[in-house]
């Protein structure tokens, strides 16, 4: 993220690494060694290094034992705990929190109890159940990496069901991620709906054209382009198969859309409820 500011990933990495490079010997540096740059971050630090992993041996480890839309059963450092959060990326986030708490002197059992009480933030893998066993998932994912994490999570939980991905890209922001978002959607989704996000001062149609360039012919064959986000959501739900999972990516907790310089009220939850009511009355 933020490559519109840093310009290159190498510069982004350099800036992040400075946080670790400047730590004193009395500090603690905590790093995810499953990330290919995890060890790079701490190679020049004077601080004590604590490593965590969901895949290999480390100071602190985590494994996902069970996962549903309702939550995950995790085994952290050999102890089981239930969390209402879902997704491997959240398993990493929880392990980072746990590692930090332990480094600060908290007791493991006390920390796990606190973790079990955590609730997902609004607009982060927020699930709305509807008629015909359709599940709509609202998530703030607006970068290729974030959207891939969410789509992978949904695929892992309900791999046999139709997965529909609805997304757009923000205007006046990093244009390089637009075709990358298309590639991610094509790799994971069965159907794709490309629409508006916060277009700001750019034309929504121009943004969608940039997204279109990231699709192969196979991806274009399963994608439709609808500039009006409300109509796009309605279409995605109305034409979904029974049991489908529909990801609405990009808006998350936001209850507005920025078109031009105007903030317009737009709450995806209201749109979903309206369409579900129509289906229920059929």
Protein backbone atom coordinates (compact mmCIF):
# COMPACT_ATOMS: atom_id res chain seq x y z
CA UNK A 1 0.00 0.00 0.00
CA UNK A 2 0.98 3.71 -0.29
CA UNK A 3 3.16 3.18 -3.37
CA UNK A 4 1.69 6.40 -4.73
CA UNK A 5 3.77 8.05 -1.98
CA UNK A 6 6.83 5.78 -1.79
CA UNK A 7 6.96 5.15 -5.56
CA UNK A 8 8.79 1.79 -5.21
CA UNK A 9 8.45 -1.18 -2.86
CA UNK A 10 12.18 -0.96 -2.10
CA UNK A 11 11.69 2.59 -0.78
CA UNK A 12 8.62 1.50 1.18
CA UNK A 13 10.67 -1.32 2.73
CA UNK A 14 13.55 1.03 3.56
CA UNK A 15 11.24 3.43 5.39
CA UNK A 16 9.60 0.62 7.39
CA UNK A 17 12.98 -0.86 8.29
CA UNK A 18 14.10 2.44 9.82
CA UNK A 19 11.65 1.86 12.68
CA UNK A 20 13.57 -1.30 13.61
CA UNK A 21 17.04 0.08 12.82
CA UNK A 22 16.55 2.94 15.27
CA UNK A 23 15.37 0.83 18.22
CA UNK A 24 17.70 0.84 21.26
CA UNK A 25 19.09 -2.32 22.83
CA UNK A 26 16.51 -2.07 25.63
CA UNK A 27 13.60 -2.41 23.15
CA UNK A 28 11.91 -5.49 21.68
CA UNK A 29 11.43 -6.00 17.94
CA UNK A 30 8.65 -8.41 16.95
CA UNK A 31 8.61 -9.81 13.42
CA UNK A 32 6.63 -12.27 11.30
CA UNK A 33 9.16 -14.71 9.85
CA UNK A 34 6.58 -16.12 7.41
CA UNK A 35 6.83 -12.82 5.54
CA UNK A 36 9.75 -12.88 3.10
CA UNK A 37 10.91 -9.53 4.49
CA UNK A 38 10.40 -10.44 8.13
CA UNK A 39 14.06 -11.17 8.80
CA UNK A 40 15.16 -8.22 6.65
CA UNK A 41 13.32 -5.89 9.02
CA UNK A 42 15.39 -6.95 12.04
CA UNK A 43 18.79 -7.69 10.48
CA UNK A 44 20.31 -4.40 11.72
CA UNK A 45 18.35 -3.79 14.90
CA UNK A 46 19.96 -3.55 18.33
CA UNK A 47 16.73 -4.63 20.00
CA UNK A 48 15.85 -8.07 21.33
CA UNK A 49 14.13 -9.93 18.48
CA UNK A 50 10.96 -11.99 18.99
CA UNK A 51 9.79 -14.06 16.00
CA UNK A 52 6.31 -15.43 15.34
CA UNK A 53 4.96 -17.81 12.69
CA UNK A 54 1.86 -19.66 11.55
CA UNK A 55 3.90 -22.08 9.45
CA UNK A 56 7.18 -22.93 11.13
CA UNK A 57 9.12 -23.03 14.41
CA UNK A 58 9.36 -19.65 16.14
CA UNK A 59 9.22 -18.01 19.56
CA UNK A 60 5.42 -17.92 19.21
CA UNK A 61 3.32 -20.04 16.87
CA UNK A 62 -0.29 -20.34 15.78
CA UNK A 63 -2.30 -22.91 13.82
CA UNK A 64 -5.88 -22.69 12.56
CA UNK A 65 -7.67 -25.83 13.79
CA UNK A 66 -11.21 -25.00 12.58
CA UNK A 67 -12.76 -22.12 10.64
CA UNK A 68 -16.34 -21.07 9.81
CA UNK A 69 -18.06 -17.74 9.16
CA UNK A 70 -18.67 -17.61 12.91
CA UNK A 71 -14.97 -17.70 13.84
CA UNK A 72 -11.81 -19.78 14.21
CA UNK A 73 -10.42 -22.27 16.68
CA UNK A 74 -6.73 -21.43 17.06
CA UNK A 75 -3.87 -23.22 18.77
CA UNK A 76 -1.43 -20.58 20.00
CA UNK A 77 1.75 -21.83 21.66
CA UNK A 78 0.01 -25.15 22.28
CA UNK A 79 -3.11 -23.65 23.88
CA UNK A 80 -6.50 -23.60 22.13
CA UNK A 81 -8.65 -20.47 21.96
CA UNK A 82 -11.74 -19.43 19.99
CA UNK A 83 -11.98 -16.10 18.19
CA UNK A 84 -14.85 -14.48 16.32
CA UNK A 85 -12.40 -13.16 13.74
CA UNK A 86 -11.84 -15.20 10.57
CA UNK A 87 -9.12 -15.53 7.96
CA UNK A 88 -5.47 -16.50 8.01
CA UNK A 89 -4.49 -12.83 7.95
CA UNK A 90 -6.40 -12.40 11.22
CA UNK A 91 -4.64 -15.44 12.67
CA UNK A 92 -1.39 -13.56 11.97
CA UNK A 93 -2.81 -10.36 13.46
CA UNK A 94 -3.90 -12.21 16.60
CA UNK A 95 -0.51 -13.90 16.93
CA UNK A 96 1.19 -10.49 16.61
CA UNK A 97 -1.05 -9.14 19.39
CA UNK A 98 -0.35 -12.20 21.55
CA UNK A 99 3.41 -11.93 20.98
CA UNK A 100 3.32 -8.25 21.91
CA UNK A 101 1.28 -8.88 25.07
CA UNK A 102 3.69 -11.59 26.23
CA UNK A 103 6.67 -9.33 25.52
CA UNK A 104 5.03 -6.69 27.72
CA UNK A 105 4.68 -9.18 30.57
CA UNK A 106 1.09 -10.40 30.25
CA UNK A 107 0.25 -13.97 31.27
CA UNK A 108 -0.49 -16.35 28.33
CA UNK A 109 -3.87 -17.57 29.68
CA UNK A 110 -5.02 -14.03 30.48
CA UNK A 111 -4.02 -12.92 26.98
CA UNK A 112 -5.90 -15.77 25.29
CA UNK A 113 -9.07 -15.00 27.28
CA UNK A 114 -8.84 -11.37 26.12
CA UNK A 115 -8.31 -12.51 22.52
CA UNK A 116 -11.43 -14.67 22.68
CA UNK A 117 -13.47 -11.54 23.49
CA UNK A 118 -12.29 -9.58 20.46
CA UNK A 119 -14.91 -8.58 17.90
CA UNK A 120 -14.38 -7.74 14.25
CA UNK A 121 -14.36 -4.06 13.39
CA UNK A 122 -17.34 -2.86 11.32
CA UNK A 123 -16.74 -3.43 7.63
CA UNK A 124 -14.05 -6.06 8.15
CA UNK A 125 -15.30 -9.45 6.95
CA UNK A 126 -18.76 -8.40 8.09
CA UNK A 127 -21.21 -11.17 7.14
CA UNK A 128 -24.88 -10.57 6.31
CA UNK A 129 -27.00 -13.70 5.87
CA UNK A 130 -29.92 -13.54 3.48
CA UNK A 131 -32.62 -15.55 1.74
CA UNK A 132 -31.69 -18.49 -0.50
CA UNK A 133 -28.77 -19.04 1.91
CA UNK A 134 -26.85 -16.19 0.26
CA UNK A 135 -24.05 -14.64 2.33
CA UNK A 136 -22.90 -11.09 1.63
CA UNK A 137 -19.51 -10.16 3.06
CA UNK A 138 -18.64 -6.48 3.42
CA UNK A 139 -14.93 -5.71 3.69
CA UNK A 140 -12.74 -2.62 3.43
CA UNK A 141 -10.18 -4.45 1.24
CA UNK A 142 -9.08 -1.91 -1.36
CA UNK A 143 -5.60 -3.14 -2.30
CA UNK A 144 -4.62 -6.28 -4.26
CA UNK A 145 -3.05 -7.94 -1.21
CA UNK A 146 -5.99 -7.18 1.08
CA UNK A 147 -8.55 -8.39 -1.44
CA UNK A 148 -6.57 -11.57 -2.07
CA UNK A 149 -6.50 -12.28 1.68
CA UNK A 150 -10.27 -11.88 1.91
CA UNK A 151 -11.07 -13.92 -1.21
CA UNK A 152 -8.72 -16.68 -0.10
CA UNK A 153 -10.44 -16.75 3.31
CA UNK A 154 -13.89 -17.01 1.73
CA UNK A 155 -12.67 -19.73 -0.63
CA UNK A 156 -11.17 -21.69 2.26
CA UNK A 157 -14.37 -21.52 4.32
CA UNK A 158 -16.92 -22.18 1.57
CA UNK A 159 -14.81 -23.50 -1.29
CA UNK A 160 -17.63 -25.40 -3.00
CA UNK A 161 -20.00 -22.46 -3.29
CA UNK A 162 -20.25 -19.77 -5.96
CA UNK A 163 -17.98 -16.84 -5.05
CA UNK A 164 -18.84 -13.43 -6.49
CA UNK A 165 -16.45 -10.48 -6.12
CA UNK A 166 -17.72 -6.91 -6.44
CA UNK A 167 -15.13 -4.14 -6.33
CA UNK A 168 -13.98 -0.82 -7.72
CA UNK A 169 -10.95 1.42 -7.24
CA UNK A 170 -10.63 4.88 -5.76
CA UNK A 171 -10.10 7.89 -7.97
CA UNK A 172 -7.10 10.24 -7.59
CA UNK A 173 -5.15 7.39 -5.99
CA UNK A 174 -2.52 4.83 -7.05
CA UNK A 175 -3.50 3.74 -10.58
CA UNK A 176 -1.04 0.84 -10.73
CA UNK A 177 -3.15 -1.30 -8.42
CA UNK A 178 -6.24 -1.19 -10.68
CA UNK A 179 -5.21 -3.96 -13.12
CA UNK A 180 -3.70 -5.87 -10.19
CA UNK A 181 -7.09 -5.90 -8.46
CA UNK A 182 -8.61 -7.35 -11.63
CA UNK A 183 -6.03 -10.14 -11.68
CA UNK A 184 -6.77 -11.06 -8.04
CA UNK A 185 -10.54 -11.12 -8.65
CA UNK A 186 -10.04 -13.29 -11.74
CA UNK A 187 -7.85 -15.77 -9.83
CA UNK A 188 -10.37 -16.39 -7.04
CA UNK A 189 -13.92 -15.42 -8.03
CA UNK A 190 -16.45 -17.35 -10.12
CA UNK A 191 -18.18 -14.11 -11.14
CA UNK A 192 -16.91 -10.53 -11.00
CA UNK A 193 -18.77 -7.23 -10.84
CA UNK A 194 -16.62 -4.15 -11.46
CA UNK A 195 -18.17 -0.92 -10.22
CA UNK A 196 -17.42 2.45 -8.61
CA UNK A 197 -15.69 3.09 -5.30
CA UNK A 198 -14.82 6.67 -4.33
CA UNK A 199 -14.23 7.99 -7.84
CA UNK A 200 -13.50 11.51 -6.59
CA UNK A 201 -12.59 13.77 -9.53
CA UNK A 202 -11.94 10.95 -12.00
CA UNK A 203 -14.59 9.52 -14.30
CA UNK A 204 -15.78 6.14 -12.99
CA UNK A 205 -15.73 4.81 -16.57
CA UNK A 206 -12.02 5.70 -16.91
CA UNK A 207 -11.21 3.90 -13.65
CA UNK A 208 -13.12 0.82 -14.82
CA UNK A 209 -11.20 0.91 -18.11
CA UNK A 210 -7.94 0.79 -16.14
CA UNK A 211 -9.28 -2.20 -14.19
CA UNK A 212 -10.40 -3.90 -17.40
CA UNK A 213 -6.77 -3.96 -18.64
CA UNK A 214 -5.85 -6.42 -15.88
CA UNK A 215 -8.26 -9.14 -17.02
CA UNK A 216 -7.36 -11.92 -19.41
CA UNK A 217 -9.99 -13.00 -21.93
CA UNK A 218 -11.04 -15.66 -19.41
CA UNK A 219 -11.50 -13.03 -16.71
CA UNK A 220 -13.49 -10.72 -18.97
CA UNK A 221 -15.82 -13.60 -19.80
CA UNK A 222 -16.98 -13.77 -16.17
CA UNK A 223 -16.96 -10.02 -15.45
CA UNK A 224 -19.59 -7.34 -15.85
CA UNK A 225 -19.08 -3.57 -15.51
CA UNK A 226 -21.76 -1.46 -13.79
CA UNK A 227 -20.77 2.07 -12.77
CA UNK A 228 -23.66 2.60 -10.31
CA UNK A 229 -22.57 0.73 -7.16
CA UNK A 230 -26.11 0.33 -5.83
CA UNK A 231 -27.24 -1.24 -9.11
CA UNK A 232 -24.09 -3.37 -9.16
CA UNK A 233 -24.86 -4.77 -5.68
CA UNK A 234 -28.47 -5.42 -6.64
CA UNK A 235 -27.36 -7.27 -9.77
CA UNK A 236 -24.77 -9.37 -7.91
CA UNK A 237 -27.33 -10.52 -5.35
CA UNK A 238 -30.29 -11.03 -7.70
CA UNK A 239 -28.29 -13.22 -10.09
CA UNK A 240 -26.40 -15.18 -7.43
CA UNK A 241 -27.01 -18.89 -7.10
CA UNK A 242 -28.53 -20.30 -3.91
CA UNK A 243 -25.82 -20.57 -1.27
CA UNK A 244 -23.51 -18.08 -3.00
CA UNK A 245 -20.98 -15.92 -1.17
CA UNK A 246 -20.76 -12.32 -2.39
CA UNK A 247 -17.84 -10.09 -1.42
CA UNK A 248 -18.46 -6.34 -1.51
CA UNK A 249 -14.89 -5.03 -1.40
CA UNK A 250 -13.58 -1.54 -0.85
CA UNK A 251 -16.13 0.39 1.21
CA UNK A 252 -16.21 -1.52 4.49
CA UNK A 253 -17.20 0.77 7.36
CA UNK A 254 -17.76 3.78 5.10
CA UNK A 255 -21.33 5.06 4.79
CA UNK A 256 -20.69 7.44 1.92
CA UNK A 257 -19.32 7.64 -1.61
CA UNK A 258 -17.13 10.47 -2.83
CA UNK A 259 -18.18 11.51 -6.33
CA UNK A 260 -16.40 14.62 -7.54
CA UNK A 261 -15.89 16.57 -4.31
CA UNK A 262 -19.27 15.58 -2.89
CA UNK A 263 -19.78 13.07 -0.07
CA UNK A 264 -23.00 11.20 -0.84
CA UNK A 265 -24.73 8.94 1.68
CA UNK A 266 -24.16 5.32 0.70
CA UNK A 267 -24.39 2.44 3.17
CA UNK A 268 -23.96 -1.00 1.62
CA UNK A 269 -25.83 -2.61 4.51
CA UNK A 270 -28.94 -0.64 3.59
CA UNK A 271 -28.64 -1.67 -0.05
CA UNK A 272 -28.19 -5.34 0.84
CA UNK A 273 -31.18 -5.25 3.23
CA UNK A 274 -33.34 -3.67 0.54
CA UNK A 275 -32.45 -6.35 -2.04
CA UNK A 276 -32.90 -9.17 0.49
CA UNK A 277 -36.36 -7.82 1.30
CA UNK A 278 -37.26 -7.91 -2.39
CA UNK A 279 -36.07 -11.52 -2.69
CA UNK A 280 -37.94 -12.53 0.48
CA UNK A 281 -41.15 -11.11 -0.95
CA UNK A 282 -40.90 -13.03 -4.23
